[in-house]
Amino acid sequence: MKSKFLAAILWTALACLVSAQTTPSATPLASSVPIATSAGTPVVTVQLTSDVVTFFKVAVVVAGLFVAVLAFIGVAFFGFDVRKARSSIQAAEDDARQTSKSARELFEKIKYQQEKLSKLERRVEEMGAQVEDIADTQPAPPQVGHRDNSELLREIIANSSFTWTTIGRLIKKTGLSRDEVLELARKTPGIEISTGSKTHDYIFRIRNGA
């Protein structure tokens, strides 16, 4: 659109220049234009020749060419700056979108790895609790006085070498039956009950902050 506009201006200026140069200079345009005709006042006339007309035509053509050059310079430089600015903005937006996409992908990878580590840590803790259950062959301690079984249950879980404690170990250490351990654990505040991923049997731990 800009190039067509500039081309039209240049073609118009060139046409004016050609018409000015082809105007015959031999035809005089002398005419008497009376300025004042009052009595007793000399009459002043202006003689318009073809050279004067040609001069004005050339001046108009030169002015048109000057305007066309200024317009071309403005479109070339300022238009280029606008295009360059738009290209820079578009490139910045593309970089921002790519950076955001990369950040989301990295976050998903970190989240996935964290979940895998959490599952692996729990699996290790469960295996450790099973090993501790097998290795612990000490009988249940005798009841001293009127000690509450809830306190004994919490003490056994809290003193375990691992986060989780199997129900088998609690049965051995408390001397209670399986159903009694489950009922007591459900009633005791601060004890979390879950199931092992491998054994699918009950495991216990003290809740964080309990």
C-alpha atoms as a PDB file:
ATOM      1  CA  MET A   1       0.000   0.000   0.000  1.00  0.00           C
ATOM      2  CA  LYS A   2       2.804   2.419   0.908  1.00  0.00           C
ATOM      3  CA  SER A   3       4.844   1.563  -2.200  1.00  0.00           C
ATOM      4  CA  LYS A   4       1.818   2.202  -4.482  1.00  0.00           C
ATOM      5  CA  PHE A   5       1.222   5.577  -2.826  1.00  0.00           C
ATOM      6  CA  LEU A   6       4.871   6.640  -3.322  1.00  0.00           C
ATOM      7  CA  ALA A   7       4.864   5.436  -6.908  1.00  0.00           C
ATOM      8  CA  ALA A   8       1.765   7.542  -7.664  1.00  0.00           C
ATOM      9  CA  ILE A   9       3.420  10.644  -6.190  1.00  0.00           C
ATOM     10  CA  LEU A  10       6.607  10.125  -8.218  1.00  0.00           C
ATOM     11  CA  TRP A  11       4.705   9.512 -11.465  1.00  0.00           C
ATOM     12  CA  THR A  12       2.657  12.709 -10.916  1.00  0.00           C
ATOM     13  CA  ALA A  13       5.798  14.761 -10.290  1.00  0.00           C
ATOM     14  CA  LEU A  14       7.516  13.377 -13.386  1.00  0.00           C
ATOM     15  CA  ALA A  15       4.453  14.111 -15.510  1.00  0.00           C
ATOM     16  CA  CYS A  16       4.421  17.700 -14.339  1.00  0.00           C
ATOM     17  CA  LEU A  17       8.133  18.047 -15.119  1.00  0.00           C
ATOM     18  CA  VAL A  18       7.688  16.653 -18.626  1.00  0.00           C
ATOM     19  CA  SER A  19       4.732  18.937 -19.331  1.00  0.00           C
ATOM     20  CA  ALA A  20       6.746  21.913 -18.110  1.00  0.00           C
ATOM     21  CA  GLN A  21       9.657  21.114 -20.375  1.00  0.00           C
ATOM     22  CA  THR A  22       7.485  20.538 -23.456  1.00  0.00           C
ATOM     23  CA  THR A  23       5.595  23.861 -23.139  1.00  0.00           C
ATOM     24  CA  PRO A  24       6.601  26.039 -26.144  1.00  0.00           C
ATOM     25  CA  SER A  25       8.551  29.081 -25.024  1.00  0.00           C
ATOM     26  CA  ALA A  26       8.072  30.927 -28.291  1.00  0.00           C
ATOM     27  CA  THR A  27       4.445  31.750 -27.611  1.00  0.00           C
ATOM     28  CA  PRO A  28       4.357  34.959 -25.717  1.00  0.00           C
ATOM     29  CA  LEU A  29       1.644  35.396 -23.194  1.00  0.00           C
ATOM     30  CA  ALA A  30       2.010  39.108 -23.100  1.00  0.00           C
ATOM     31  CA  SER A  31      -1.135  40.751 -21.987  1.00  0.00           C
ATOM     32  CA  SER A  32      -1.924  44.130 -20.691  1.00  0.00           C
ATOM     33  CA  VAL A  33      -3.561  43.976 -17.313  1.00  0.00           C
ATOM     34  CA  PRO A  34      -4.638  47.440 -16.272  1.00  0.00           C
ATOM     35  CA  ILE A  35      -4.061  48.108 -12.598  1.00  0.00           C
ATOM     36  CA  ALA A  36      -5.655  51.538 -12.402  1.00  0.00           C
ATOM     37  CA  THR A  37      -7.550  53.627 -15.000  1.00  0.00           C
ATOM     38  CA  SER A  38      -8.292  56.825 -13.169  1.00  0.00           C
ATOM     39  CA  ALA A  39      -7.795  60.030 -15.039  1.00  0.00           C
ATOM     40  CA  GLY A  40      -4.410  61.492 -14.901  1.00  0.00           C
ATOM     41  CA  THR A  41      -2.809  58.310 -13.523  1.00  0.00           C
ATOM     42  CA  PRO A  42      -0.362  56.330 -15.697  1.00  0.00           C
ATOM     43  CA  VAL A  43      -1.435  52.812 -16.550  1.00  0.00           C
ATOM     44  CA  VAL A  44       0.810  50.026 -15.210  1.00  0.00           C
ATOM     45  CA  THR A  45       0.815  46.699 -17.063  1.00  0.00           C
ATOM     46  CA  VAL A  46       2.423  43.366 -16.198  1.00  0.00           C
ATOM     47  CA  GLN A  47       3.913  41.368 -19.050  1.00  0.00           C
ATOM     48  CA  LEU A  48       3.549  37.554 -18.464  1.00  0.00           C
ATOM     49  CA  THR A  49       5.903  35.615 -20.677  1.00  0.00           C
ATOM     50  CA  SER A  50       6.275  31.865 -21.172  1.00  0.00           C
ATOM     51  CA  ASP A  51       9.560  31.924 -19.214  1.00  0.00           C
ATOM     52  CA  VAL A  52       7.747  33.105 -16.084  1.00  0.00           C
ATOM     53  CA  VAL A  53       5.098  30.412 -16.471  1.00  0.00           C
ATOM     54  CA  THR A  54       7.787  27.788 -17.004  1.00  0.00           C
ATOM     55  CA  PHE A  55       9.594  28.987 -13.891  1.00  0.00           C
ATOM     56  CA  PHE A  56       6.476  28.564 -11.777  1.00  0.00           C
ATOM     57  CA  LYS A  57       5.837  25.121 -13.251  1.00  0.00           C
ATOM     58  CA  VAL A  58       9.398  24.046 -12.476  1.00  0.00           C
ATOM     59  CA  ALA A  59       9.055  25.420  -8.938  1.00  0.00           C
ATOM     60  CA  VAL A  60       5.863  23.412  -8.433  1.00  0.00           C
ATOM     61  CA  VAL A  61       7.511  20.263  -9.777  1.00  0.00           C
ATOM     62  CA  VAL A  62      10.574  20.728  -7.544  1.00  0.00           C
ATOM     63  CA  ALA A  63       8.325  21.273  -4.538  1.00  0.00           C
ATOM     64  CA  GLY A  64       6.375  18.117  -5.399  1.00  0.00           C
ATOM     65  CA  LEU A  65       9.571  16.108  -5.731  1.00  0.00           C
ATOM     66  CA  PHE A  66      10.779  17.457  -2.386  1.00  0.00           C
ATOM     67  CA  VAL A  67       7.526  16.456  -0.692  1.00  0.00           C
ATOM     68  CA  ALA A  68       7.699  13.026  -2.354  1.00  0.00           C
ATOM     69  CA  VAL A  69      11.284  12.519  -1.108  1.00  0.00           C
ATOM     70  CA  LEU A  70      10.274  13.544   2.412  1.00  0.00           C
ATOM     71  CA  ALA A  71       7.317  11.171   2.295  1.00  0.00           C
ATOM     72  CA  PHE A  72       9.545   8.340   1.064  1.00  0.00           C
ATOM     73  CA  ILE A  73      12.081   8.978   3.821  1.00  0.00           C
ATOM     74  CA  GLY A  74       9.350   9.071   6.458  1.00  0.00           C
ATOM     75  CA  VAL A  75       7.742   5.857   5.267  1.00  0.00           C
ATOM     76  CA  ALA A  76      11.095   4.117   4.815  1.00  0.00           C
ATOM     77  CA  PHE A  77      12.563   4.968   8.191  1.00  0.00           C
ATOM     78  CA  PHE A  78       9.544   5.305  10.471  1.00  0.00           C
ATOM     79  CA  GLY A  79       7.724   2.449   8.784  1.00  0.00           C
ATOM     80  CA  PHE A  80      10.817   0.295   9.226  1.00  0.00           C
ATOM     81  CA  ASP A  81      10.991   1.264  12.899  1.00  0.00           C
ATOM     82  CA  VAL A  82       7.339   0.278  13.410  1.00  0.00           C
ATOM     83  CA  ARG A  83       7.862  -3.061  11.697  1.00  0.00           C
ATOM     84  CA  LYS A  84      11.005  -3.641  13.713  1.00  0.00           C
ATOM     85  CA  ALA A  85       9.187  -2.784  16.956  1.00  0.00           C
ATOM     86  CA  ARG A  86       6.324  -5.129  16.087  1.00  0.00           C
ATOM     87  CA  SER A  87       8.788  -7.897  15.258  1.00  0.00           C
ATOM     88  CA  SER A  88      10.569  -7.355  18.577  1.00  0.00           C
ATOM     89  CA  ILE A  89       7.284  -7.460  20.513  1.00  0.00           C
ATOM     90  CA  GLN A  90       6.213 -10.619  18.702  1.00  0.00           C
ATOM     91  CA  ALA A  91       9.587 -12.248  19.389  1.00  0.00           C
ATOM     92  CA  ALA A  92       9.341 -11.294  23.078  1.00  0.00           C
ATOM     93  CA  GLU A  93       5.836 -12.770  23.307  1.00  0.00           C
ATOM     94  CA  ASP A  94       7.024 -15.986  21.657  1.00  0.00           C
ATOM     95  CA  ASP A  95       9.950 -16.215  24.074  1.00  0.00           C
ATOM     96  CA  ALA A  96       7.625 -15.633  27.041  1.00  0.00           C
ATOM     97  CA  ARG A  97       5.260 -18.368  25.881  1.00  0.00           C
ATOM     98  CA  GLN A  98       8.135 -20.771  25.310  1.00  0.00           C
ATOM     99  CA  THR A  99       9.617 -19.968  28.724  1.00  0.00           C
ATOM    100  CA  SER A 100       6.229 -20.484  30.403  1.00  0.00           C
ATOM    101  CA  LYS A 101       5.786 -23.795  28.608  1.00  0.00           C
ATOM    102  CA  SER A 102       9.275 -24.952  29.607  1.00  0.00           C
ATOM    103  CA  ALA A 103       8.628 -23.904  33.219  1.00  0.00           C
ATOM    104  CA  ARG A 104       5.375 -25.899  33.328  1.00  0.00           C
ATOM    105  CA  GLU A 105       7.082 -28.946  31.845  1.00  0.00           C
ATOM    106  CA  LEU A 106       9.907 -28.664  34.366  1.00  0.00           C
ATOM    107  CA  PHE A 107       7.406 -28.302  37.225  1.00  0.00           C
ATOM    108  CA  GLU A 108       5.538 -31.416  36.077  1.00  0.00           C
ATOM    109  CA  LYS A 109       8.812 -33.363  35.902  1.00  0.00           C
ATOM    110  CA  ILE A 110       9.824 -32.227  39.396  1.00  0.00           C
ATOM    111  CA  LYS A 111       6.376 -33.080  40.731  1.00  0.00           C
ATOM    112  CA  TYR A 112       6.522 -36.519  39.126  1.00  0.00           C
ATOM    113  CA  GLN A 113       9.988 -37.210  40.546  1.00  0.00           C
ATOM    114  CA  GLN A 114       8.863 -36.024  43.980  1.00  0.00           C
ATOM    115  CA  GLU A 115       5.904 -38.386  43.900  1.00  0.00           C
ATOM    116  CA  LYS A 116       8.181 -41.244  42.909  1.00  0.00           C
ATOM    117  CA  LEU A 117      10.560 -40.407  45.754  1.00  0.00           C
ATOM    118  CA  SER A 118       7.674 -40.239  48.228  1.00  0.00           C
ATOM    119  CA  LYS A 119       6.397 -43.640  47.118  1.00  0.00           C
ATOM    120  CA  LEU A 120       9.908 -45.082  47.297  1.00  0.00           C
ATOM    121  CA  GLU A 121      10.432 -43.628  50.783  1.00  0.00           C
ATOM    122  CA  ARG A 122       7.151 -45.100  52.004  1.00  0.00           C
ATOM    123  CA  ARG A 123       8.026 -48.479  50.497  1.00  0.00           C
ATOM    124  CA  VAL A 124      11.399 -48.456  52.257  1.00  0.00           C
ATOM    125  CA  GLU A 125       9.725 -47.522  55.553  1.00  0.00           C
ATOM    126  CA  GLU A 126       7.195 -50.333  55.155  1.00  0.00           C
ATOM    127  CA  MET A 127       9.950 -52.849  54.406  1.00  0.00           C
ATOM    128  CA  GLY A 128      11.876 -51.622  57.443  1.00  0.00           C
ATOM    129  CA  ALA A 129       8.787 -52.033  59.621  1.00  0.00           C
ATOM    130  CA  GLN A 130       8.383 -55.608  58.377  1.00  0.00           C
ATOM    131  CA  VAL A 131      12.037 -56.384  59.105  1.00  0.00           C
ATOM    132  CA  GLU A 132      11.695 -54.854  62.560  1.00  0.00           C
ATOM    133  CA  ASP A 133       8.583 -56.960  63.204  1.00  0.00           C
ATOM    134  CA  ILE A 134      10.436 -60.146  62.226  1.00  0.00           C
ATOM    135  CA  ALA A 135      13.558 -59.266  64.191  1.00  0.00           C
ATOM    136  CA  ASP A 136      11.707 -58.227  67.361  1.00  0.00           C
ATOM    137  CA  THR A 137      11.317 -61.464  69.332  1.00  0.00           C
ATOM    138  CA  GLN A 138      10.980 -59.925  72.769  1.00  0.00           C
ATOM    139  CA  PRO A 139       7.719 -60.811  74.544  1.00  0.00           C
ATOM    140  CA  ALA A 140       5.213 -58.237  75.641  1.00  0.00           C
ATOM    141  CA  PRO A 141       6.277 -56.406  78.815  1.00  0.00           C
ATOM    142  CA  PRO A 142       4.209 -57.148  81.902  1.00  0.00           C
ATOM    143  CA  GLN A 143       1.635 -54.591  82.889  1.00  0.00           C
ATOM    144  CA  VAL A 144       2.879 -52.370  85.674  1.00  0.00           C
ATOM    145  CA  GLY A 145       0.116 -51.006  87.864  1.00  0.00           C
ATOM    146  CA  HIS A 146      -2.838 -49.623  85.941  1.00  0.00           C
ATOM    147  CA  ARG A 147      -0.998 -48.327  82.866  1.00  0.00           C
ATOM    148  CA  ASP A 148      -3.293 -47.306  80.023  1.00  0.00           C
ATOM    149  CA  ASN A 149      -3.002 -49.457  76.901  1.00  0.00           C
ATOM    150  CA  SER A 150      -3.381 -46.333  74.735  1.00  0.00           C
ATOM    151  CA  GLU A 151      -0.188 -44.887  76.210  1.00  0.00           C
ATOM    152  CA  LEU A 152       1.586 -48.212  75.638  1.00  0.00           C
ATOM    153  CA  LEU A 153       0.433 -48.295  72.012  1.00  0.00           C
ATOM    154  CA  ARG A 154       1.651 -44.759  71.334  1.00  0.00           C
ATOM    155  CA  GLU A 155       4.963 -45.490  73.054  1.00  0.00           C
ATOM    156  CA  ILE A 156       5.617 -48.586  70.917  1.00  0.00           C
ATOM    157  CA  ILE A 157       4.842 -46.720  67.671  1.00  0.00           C
ATOM    158  CA  ALA A 158       6.855 -43.639  68.707  1.00  0.00           C
ATOM    159  CA  ASN A 159       9.910 -45.721  69.675  1.00  0.00           C
ATOM    160  CA  SER A 160       9.930 -47.672  66.436  1.00  0.00           C
ATOM    161  CA  SER A 161      13.059 -47.424  64.304  1.00  0.00           C
ATOM    162  CA  PHE A 162      10.925 -46.599  61.267  1.00  0.00           C
ATOM    163  CA  THR A 163       8.001 -44.300  60.523  1.00  0.00           C
ATOM    164  CA  TRP A 164       5.494 -47.117  60.250  1.00  0.00           C
ATOM    165  CA  THR A 165       4.864 -50.009  62.629  1.00  0.00           C
ATOM    166  CA  THR A 166       3.127 -53.229  61.596  1.00  0.00           C
ATOM    167  CA  ILE A 167       0.111 -54.585  63.397  1.00  0.00           C
ATOM    168  CA  GLY A 168       2.020 -57.816  64.052  1.00  0.00           C
ATOM    169  CA  ARG A 169       4.628 -55.967  66.084  1.00  0.00           C
ATOM    170  CA  LEU A 170       1.955 -54.143  68.083  1.00  0.00           C
ATOM    171  CA  ILE A 171       0.266 -57.466  68.858  1.00  0.00           C
ATOM    172  CA  LYS A 172       3.553 -58.899  70.110  1.00  0.00           C
ATOM    173  CA  LYS A 173       4.572 -55.835  72.122  1.00  0.00           C
ATOM    174  CA  THR A 174       1.171 -55.199  73.761  1.00  0.00           C
ATOM    175  CA  GLY A 175      -0.083 -58.733  74.229  1.00  0.00           C
ATOM    176  CA  LEU A 176      -3.452 -57.699  72.784  1.00  0.00           C
ATOM    177  CA  SER A 177      -5.390 -59.415  70.040  1.00  0.00           C
ATOM    178  CA  ARG A 178      -5.614 -58.075  66.491  1.00  0.00           C
ATOM    179  CA  ASP A 179      -9.121 -56.698  66.957  1.00  0.00           C
ATOM    180  CA  GLU A 180      -8.169 -55.106  70.282  1.00  0.00           C
ATOM    181  CA  VAL A 181      -5.170 -53.363  68.695  1.00  0.00           C
ATOM    182  CA  LEU A 182      -7.335 -51.998  65.858  1.00  0.00           C
ATOM    183  CA  GLU A 183     -10.053 -50.812  68.222  1.00  0.00           C
ATOM    184  CA  LEU A 184      -7.515 -49.216  70.553  1.00  0.00           C
ATOM    185  CA  ALA A 185      -5.685 -47.504  67.681  1.00  0.00           C
ATOM    186  CA  ARG A 186      -8.925 -46.036  66.340  1.00  0.00           C
ATOM    187  CA  LYS A 187      -9.782 -44.628  69.759  1.00  0.00           C
ATOM    188  CA  THR A 188      -6.327 -43.251  70.534  1.00  0.00           C
ATOM    189  CA  PRO A 189      -5.840 -39.691  69.214  1.00  0.00           C
ATOM    190  CA  GLY A 190      -2.760 -38.948  67.107  1.00  0.00           C
ATOM    191  CA  ILE A 191      -2.403 -42.452  65.611  1.00  0.00           C
ATOM    192  CA  GLU A 192      -2.749 -42.803  61.825  1.00  0.00           C
ATOM    193  CA  ILE A 193      -3.839 -46.158  60.376  1.00  0.00           C
ATOM    194  CA  SER A 194      -2.998 -47.221  56.833  1.00  0.00           C
ATOM    195  CA  THR A 195      -2.275 -50.376  54.795  1.00  0.00           C
ATOM    196  CA  GLY A 196       1.017 -51.536  53.346  1.00  0.00           C
ATOM    197  CA  SER A 197       1.464 -51.374  49.566  1.00  0.00           C
ATOM    198  CA  LYS A 198       2.937 -54.875  49.490  1.00  0.00           C
ATOM    199  CA  THR A 199       1.359 -56.726  52.434  1.00  0.00           C
ATOM    200  CA  HIS A 200      -1.983 -54.880  52.315  1.00  0.00           C
ATOM    201  CA  ASP A 201      -2.052 -55.315  56.086  1.00  0.00           C
ATOM    202  CA  TYR A 202      -2.536 -52.617  58.706  1.00  0.00           C
ATOM    203  CA  ILE A 203       0.342 -50.310  59.574  1.00  0.00           C
ATOM    204  CA  PHE A 204       0.440 -47.474  62.114  1.00  0.00           C
ATOM    205  CA  ARG A 205       2.324 -44.243  62.736  1.00  0.00           C
ATOM    206  CA  ILE A 206       2.120 -41.131  64.888  1.00  0.00           C
ATOM    207  CA  ARG A 207       0.638 -38.176  62.955  1.00  0.00           C
ATOM    208  CA  ASN A 208       2.841 -35.160  62.411  1.00  0.00           C
ATOM    209  CA  GLY A 209       2.422 -32.723  65.290  1.00  0.00           C
ATOM    210  CA  ALA A 210       0.429 -35.215  67.397  1.00  0.00           C
END
